[in-house]
Amino acid sequence: MREARPTRTGPLAFLAGAGAAAIAFQGAVGDENAVSAMFDAAERKFGGVDVVVNMAGIMPMGPLVNLH
């Protein structure tokens, strides 16, 4: 996992504008070591994790009859 770069208009900017602290990560949630590193980074920065927003998913493309 790597820390995602915030944009000026993205969710992190919105949260910062509201006075909240947040970080975002980008990576493969199927990689246990990467997820562990993400939580370690969050704990170092904030002392713990209060909320997790899972936006992980896949979007297969193709004809519906070919999707499993």
C-alpha atoms as a PDB file:
ATOM      1  CA  MET A   1       0.000   0.000   0.000  1.00  0.00           C
ATOM      2  CA  ARG A   2       1.130   3.509  -0.608  1.00  0.00           C
ATOM      3  CA  GLU A   3      -0.312   6.690   0.754  1.00  0.00           C
ATOM      4  CA  ALA A   4      -2.489   8.251  -1.924  1.00  0.00           C
ATOM      5  CA  ARG A   5      -1.812  11.829  -2.999  1.00  0.00           C
ATOM      6  CA  PRO A   6      -4.637  14.145  -1.983  1.00  0.00           C
ATOM      7  CA  THR A   7      -6.228  16.470  -4.508  1.00  0.00           C
ATOM      8  CA  ARG A   8      -7.444  19.999  -3.815  1.00  0.00           C
ATOM      9  CA  THR A   9     -11.072  18.942  -4.316  1.00  0.00           C
ATOM     10  CA  GLY A  10     -11.092  15.309  -3.169  1.00  0.00           C
ATOM     11  CA  PRO A  11     -12.385  13.702   0.019  1.00  0.00           C
ATOM     12  CA  LEU A  12      -9.234  14.465   2.012  1.00  0.00           C
ATOM     13  CA  ALA A  13      -9.500  18.162   1.142  1.00  0.00           C
ATOM     14  CA  PHE A  14     -13.158  18.116   2.198  1.00  0.00           C
ATOM     15  CA  LEU A  15     -12.297  16.494   5.529  1.00  0.00           C
ATOM     16  CA  ALA A  16      -9.401  18.880   6.147  1.00  0.00           C
ATOM     17  CA  GLY A  17     -11.718  21.810   5.440  1.00  0.00           C
ATOM     18  CA  ALA A  18     -14.064  20.454   8.096  1.00  0.00           C
ATOM     19  CA  GLY A  19     -11.219  20.246  10.608  1.00  0.00           C
ATOM     20  CA  ALA A  20     -10.810  16.469  10.442  1.00  0.00           C
ATOM     21  CA  ALA A  21      -7.575  14.561   9.971  1.00  0.00           C
ATOM     22  CA  ALA A  22      -7.484  11.714   7.482  1.00  0.00           C
ATOM     23  CA  ILE A  23      -5.137   9.785   5.232  1.00  0.00           C
ATOM     24  CA  ALA A  24      -5.880   7.667   2.173  1.00  0.00           C
ATOM     25  CA  PHE A  25      -4.028   4.640   0.854  1.00  0.00           C
ATOM     26  CA  GLN A  26      -3.973   2.978  -2.519  1.00  0.00           C
ATOM     27  CA  GLY A  27      -3.059  -0.673  -2.931  1.00  0.00           C
ATOM     28  CA  ALA A  28      -4.174  -4.283  -3.038  1.00  0.00           C
ATOM     29  CA  VAL A  29      -6.368  -5.232  -0.093  1.00  0.00           C
ATOM     30  CA  GLY A  30      -5.717  -8.889  -0.903  1.00  0.00           C
ATOM     31  CA  ASP A  31      -2.087  -8.405   0.174  1.00  0.00           C
ATOM     32  CA  GLU A  32      -2.057  -9.019   3.933  1.00  0.00           C
ATOM     33  CA  ASN A  33       1.377  -7.422   4.398  1.00  0.00           C
ATOM     34  CA  ALA A  34       0.296  -4.279   2.541  1.00  0.00           C
ATOM     35  CA  VAL A  35      -2.849  -3.938   4.657  1.00  0.00           C
ATOM     36  CA  SER A  36      -0.815  -4.429   7.822  1.00  0.00           C
ATOM     37  CA  ALA A  37       1.599  -1.699   6.692  1.00  0.00           C
ATOM     38  CA  MET A  38      -1.363   0.612   6.048  1.00  0.00           C
ATOM     39  CA  PHE A  39      -2.686   0.155   9.588  1.00  0.00           C
ATOM     40  CA  ASP A  40       0.822   0.581  11.016  1.00  0.00           C
ATOM     41  CA  ALA A  41       1.139   3.918   9.180  1.00  0.00           C
ATOM     42  CA  ALA A  42      -2.274   5.060  10.431  1.00  0.00           C
ATOM     43  CA  GLU A  43      -1.383   4.109  14.002  1.00  0.00           C
ATOM     44  CA  ARG A  44       1.926   6.000  13.758  1.00  0.00           C
ATOM     45  CA  LYS A  45       0.180   9.110  12.444  1.00  0.00           C
ATOM     46  CA  PHE A  46      -2.935   9.081  14.644  1.00  0.00           C
ATOM     47  CA  GLY A  47      -2.231   6.667  17.510  1.00  0.00           C
ATOM     48  CA  GLY A  48      -4.992   4.317  16.364  1.00  0.00           C
ATOM     49  CA  VAL A  49      -7.738   3.753  13.834  1.00  0.00           C
ATOM     50  CA  ASP A  50     -11.291   4.915  14.572  1.00  0.00           C
ATOM     51  CA  VAL A  51     -12.978   4.538  11.168  1.00  0.00           C
ATOM     52  CA  VAL A  52     -12.193   2.523   8.046  1.00  0.00           C
ATOM     53  CA  VAL A  53     -13.934   3.231   4.742  1.00  0.00           C
ATOM     54  CA  ASN A  54     -13.582   0.271   2.413  1.00  0.00           C
ATOM     55  CA  MET A  55     -13.837   1.351  -1.183  1.00  0.00           C
ATOM     56  CA  ALA A  56     -12.107  -1.717  -2.566  1.00  0.00           C
ATOM     57  CA  GLY A  57     -13.664  -3.575  -5.421  1.00  0.00           C
ATOM     58  CA  ILE A  58     -13.337  -4.774  -8.950  1.00  0.00           C
ATOM     59  CA  MET A  59     -15.330  -3.918 -12.023  1.00  0.00           C
ATOM     60  CA  PRO A  60     -15.062  -6.609 -14.684  1.00  0.00           C
ATOM     61  CA  MET A  61     -15.820  -5.358 -18.162  1.00  0.00           C
ATOM     62  CA  GLY A  62     -17.446  -7.410 -20.886  1.00  0.00           C
ATOM     63  CA  PRO A  63     -20.749  -8.940 -21.916  1.00  0.00           C
ATOM     64  CA  LEU A  64     -22.869  -9.995 -18.940  1.00  0.00           C
ATOM     65  CA  VAL A  65     -23.083 -13.589 -20.195  1.00  0.00           C
ATOM     66  CA  ASN A  66     -19.268 -13.891 -19.933  1.00  0.00           C
ATOM     67  CA  LEU A  67     -19.017 -12.691 -16.303  1.00  0.00           C
ATOM     68  CA  HIS A  68     -18.767 -15.318 -13.569  1.00  0.00           C
END
